[in-house]
Amino acid sequence: MARERALQRGVSVNRYIEELVRQDAGEVGHKFVEAAADFMKQYQSVFDEEFGRELGRDPGREPGRELGGEARP
């Protein structure tokens, strides 16, 4: 099957497989980033509570606001 597809695209079998691996790796990386973002959103209040204290922030305050009430860039 790979040989047929490679011939259809006019590339070597090795090149075709290399392209498949790159495509797959990109999709896996993208899925990992999405999963990490979902995890962070799900546990945001826990992170805010734990790490907000270490940084001198009030865990109940709106995220992105410093002690002076100014929004962080």
N, C-alpha and C. Protein backbone atom coordinates (compact mmCIF):
# COMPACT_ATOMS: atom_id res chain seq x y z
N MET A 1 0.82 -1.19 0.00
CA MET A 1 0.00 0.00 0.00
C MET A 1 0.87 1.27 0.00
N ALA A 2 1.91 1.29 0.84
CA ALA A 2 2.79 2.45 0.88
C ALA A 2 3.47 2.65 -0.47
N ARG A 3 3.87 1.55 -1.09
CA ARG A 3 4.55 1.64 -2.38
C ARG A 3 3.61 2.26 -3.42
N GLU A 4 2.35 1.83 -3.41
CA GLU A 4 1.36 2.38 -4.36
C GLU A 4 1.15 3.87 -4.13
N ARG A 5 0.99 4.26 -2.90
CA ARG A 5 0.78 5.68 -2.59
C ARG A 5 2.00 6.52 -2.95
N ALA A 6 3.17 5.97 -2.68
CA ALA A 6 4.40 6.70 -3.02
C ALA A 6 4.48 6.90 -4.53
N LEU A 7 4.17 5.86 -5.29
CA LEU A 7 4.18 5.98 -6.75
C LEU A 7 3.16 7.00 -7.23
N GLN A 8 1.99 7.01 -6.62
CA GLN A 8 0.95 7.98 -6.99
C GLN A 8 1.44 9.41 -6.75
N ARG A 9 2.19 9.60 -5.70
CA ARG A 9 2.68 10.94 -5.36
C ARG A 9 4.00 11.28 -6.04
N GLY A 10 4.61 10.29 -6.66
CA GLY A 10 5.87 10.53 -7.36
C GLY A 10 7.06 10.68 -6.43
N VAL A 11 7.01 10.01 -5.28
CA VAL A 11 8.12 10.07 -4.33
C VAL A 11 8.56 8.64 -4.00
N SER A 12 9.72 8.53 -3.38
CA SER A 12 10.20 7.21 -2.96
C SER A 12 9.36 6.72 -1.78
N VAL A 13 9.42 5.42 -1.56
CA VAL A 13 8.70 4.85 -0.42
C VAL A 13 9.25 5.43 0.88
N ASN A 14 10.56 5.58 0.96
CA ASN A 14 11.17 6.16 2.17
C ASN A 14 10.65 7.58 2.42
N ARG A 15 10.58 8.38 1.37
CA ARG A 15 10.09 9.75 1.50
C ARG A 15 8.62 9.75 1.94
N TYR A 16 7.83 8.86 1.35
CA TYR A 16 6.41 8.77 1.70
C TYR A 16 6.25 8.41 3.18
N ILE A 17 7.02 7.43 3.63
CA ILE A 17 6.94 7.02 5.05
C ILE A 17 7.41 8.15 5.95
N GLU A 18 8.47 8.85 5.54
CA GLU A 18 8.96 10.00 6.32
C GLU A 18 7.86 11.05 6.47
N GLU A 19 7.13 11.33 5.39
CA GLU A 19 6.03 12.30 5.45
C GLU A 19 4.93 11.83 6.39
N LEU A 20 4.61 10.53 6.35
CA LEU A 20 3.59 9.99 7.25
C LEU A 20 4.01 10.14 8.71
N VAL A 21 5.28 9.85 8.99
CA VAL A 21 5.78 9.96 10.37
C VAL A 21 5.72 11.40 10.85
N ARG A 22 6.13 12.33 9.99
CA ARG A 22 6.07 13.75 10.38
C ARG A 22 4.64 14.19 10.63
N GLN A 23 3.74 13.78 9.77
CA GLN A 23 2.32 14.14 9.93
C GLN A 23 1.79 13.57 11.24
N ASP A 24 2.10 12.31 11.52
CA ASP A 24 1.63 11.66 12.74
C ASP A 24 2.21 12.33 13.97
N ALA A 25 3.50 12.65 13.93
CA ALA A 25 4.14 13.32 15.07
C ALA A 25 3.51 14.68 15.32
N GLY A 26 3.18 15.40 14.27
CA GLY A 26 2.53 16.70 14.43
C GLY A 26 1.16 16.59 15.07
N GLU A 27 0.41 15.57 14.65
CA GLU A 27 -0.92 15.36 15.22
C GLU A 27 -0.83 14.97 16.68
N VAL A 28 0.13 14.10 17.02
CA VAL A 28 0.31 13.67 18.40
C VAL A 28 0.71 14.87 19.27
N GLY A 29 1.62 15.69 18.77
CA GLY A 29 2.05 16.88 19.52
C GLY A 29 0.90 17.84 19.76
N HIS A 30 0.08 18.01 18.74
CA HIS A 30 -1.07 18.90 18.86
C HIS A 30 -2.06 18.36 19.90
N LYS A 31 -2.30 17.06 19.88
CA LYS A 31 -3.21 16.44 20.84
C LYS A 31 -2.67 16.57 22.26
N PHE A 32 -1.34 16.45 22.41
CA PHE A 32 -0.74 16.59 23.73
C PHE A 32 -0.95 18.00 24.26
N VAL A 33 -0.74 18.99 23.42
CA VAL A 33 -0.92 20.38 23.84
C VAL A 33 -2.38 20.63 24.23
N GLU A 34 -3.32 20.10 23.45
CA GLU A 34 -4.73 20.26 23.78
C GLU A 34 -5.06 19.59 25.11
N ALA A 35 -4.52 18.39 25.34
CA ALA A 35 -4.77 17.68 26.59
C ALA A 35 -4.19 18.45 27.78
N ALA A 36 -2.99 19.00 27.61
CA ALA A 36 -2.37 19.78 28.68
C ALA A 36 -3.19 21.03 28.98
N ALA A 37 -3.69 21.70 27.95
CA ALA A 37 -4.52 22.89 28.16
C ALA A 37 -5.81 22.54 28.87
N ASP A 38 -6.42 21.44 28.49
CA ASP A 38 -7.65 21.00 29.16
C ASP A 38 -7.38 20.69 30.63
N PHE A 39 -6.25 20.03 30.90
CA PHE A 39 -5.87 19.71 32.27
C PHE A 39 -5.70 20.98 33.09
N MET A 40 -4.99 21.96 32.52
CA MET A 40 -4.76 23.21 33.24
C MET A 40 -6.07 23.94 33.51
N LYS A 41 -6.98 23.94 32.55
CA LYS A 41 -8.28 24.58 32.76
C LYS A 41 -9.06 23.86 33.85
N GLN A 42 -9.03 22.54 33.81
CA GLN A 42 -9.79 21.75 34.77
C GLN A 42 -9.30 22.00 36.21
N TYR A 43 -7.99 22.15 36.36
CA TYR A 43 -7.42 22.30 37.70
C TYR A 43 -6.91 23.71 37.97
N GLN A 44 -7.41 24.69 37.23
CA GLN A 44 -6.93 26.06 37.37
C GLN A 44 -7.10 26.58 38.80
N SER A 45 -8.22 26.30 39.42
CA SER A 45 -8.43 26.82 40.78
C SER A 45 -7.41 26.22 41.75
N VAL A 46 -7.04 24.97 41.56
CA VAL A 46 -6.04 24.34 42.42
C VAL A 46 -4.69 25.01 42.22
N PHE A 47 -4.31 25.24 40.96
CA PHE A 47 -3.04 25.91 40.68
C PHE A 47 -3.05 27.33 41.22
N ASP A 48 -4.15 28.05 41.02
CA ASP A 48 -4.23 29.42 41.52
C ASP A 48 -4.08 29.45 43.03
N GLU A 49 -4.74 28.53 43.70
CA GLU A 49 -4.67 28.50 45.16
C GLU A 49 -3.26 28.17 45.63
N GLU A 50 -2.65 27.17 45.03
CA GLU A 50 -1.33 26.72 45.47
C GLU A 50 -0.23 27.70 45.10
N PHE A 51 -0.17 28.09 43.84
CA PHE A 51 0.93 28.91 43.39
C PHE A 51 0.67 30.40 43.56
N GLY A 52 -0.57 30.80 43.68
CA GLY A 52 -0.89 32.20 43.94
C GLY A 52 -0.35 32.65 45.27
N ARG A 53 -0.41 31.78 46.26
CA ARG A 53 0.13 32.11 47.57
C ARG A 53 1.63 32.31 47.50
N GLU A 54 2.31 31.44 46.76
CA GLU A 54 3.77 31.54 46.65
C GLU A 54 4.19 32.84 45.98
N LEU A 55 3.36 33.36 45.10
CA LEU A 55 3.68 34.59 44.37
C LEU A 55 3.09 35.82 45.03
N GLY A 56 2.47 35.66 46.20
CA GLY A 56 1.92 36.78 46.93
C GLY A 56 0.61 37.28 46.37
N ARG A 57 -0.12 36.41 45.69
CA ARG A 57 -1.40 36.80 45.10
C ARG A 57 -2.54 36.23 45.92
N ASP A 58 -3.65 36.91 45.88
CA ASP A 58 -4.87 36.46 46.54
C ASP A 58 -5.54 35.44 45.64
N PRO A 59 -5.70 34.17 46.09
CA PRO A 59 -6.28 33.15 45.23
C PRO A 59 -7.72 33.45 44.82
N GLY A 60 -8.41 34.30 45.53
CA GLY A 60 -9.79 34.61 45.18
C GLY A 60 -9.93 35.72 44.16
N ARG A 61 -8.82 36.40 43.88
CA ARG A 61 -8.85 37.52 42.95
C ARG A 61 -8.88 37.04 41.51
N GLU A 62 -9.39 37.89 40.65
CA GLU A 62 -9.47 37.57 39.22
C GLU A 62 -8.09 37.26 38.68
N PRO A 63 -7.93 36.15 37.92
CA PRO A 63 -6.61 35.84 37.36
C PRO A 63 -6.14 36.96 36.45
N GLY A 64 -4.81 37.21 36.49
CA GLY A 64 -4.24 38.26 35.65
C GLY A 64 -4.19 39.61 36.33
N ARG A 65 -4.69 39.72 37.55
CA ARG A 65 -4.66 40.99 38.27
C ARG A 65 -3.59 40.94 39.34
N GLU A 66 -2.75 41.95 39.38
CA GLU A 66 -1.71 42.05 40.40
C GLU A 66 -2.29 42.74 41.63
N LEU A 67 -1.48 42.86 42.67
CA LEU A 67 -1.96 43.42 43.92
C LEU A 67 -2.43 44.86 43.80
N GLY A 68 -1.90 45.64 42.87
CA GLY A 68 -2.32 47.02 42.70
C GLY A 68 -3.61 47.17 41.91
N GLY A 69 -4.19 46.08 41.48
CA GLY A 69 -5.44 46.14 40.72
C GLY A 69 -5.24 46.31 39.23
N GLU A 70 -3.97 46.44 38.82
CA GLU A 70 -3.66 46.59 37.40
C GLU A 70 -3.58 45.24 36.74
N ALA A 71 -4.12 45.15 35.55
CA ALA A 71 -4.04 43.89 34.82
C ALA A 71 -2.63 43.69 34.30
N ARG A 72 -2.17 42.46 34.36
CA ARG A 72 -0.87 42.12 33.79
C ARG A 72 -1.00 42.10 32.28
N PRO A 73 0.07 42.45 31.58
CA PRO A 73 0.01 42.40 30.11
C PRO A 73 -0.04 40.97 29.62
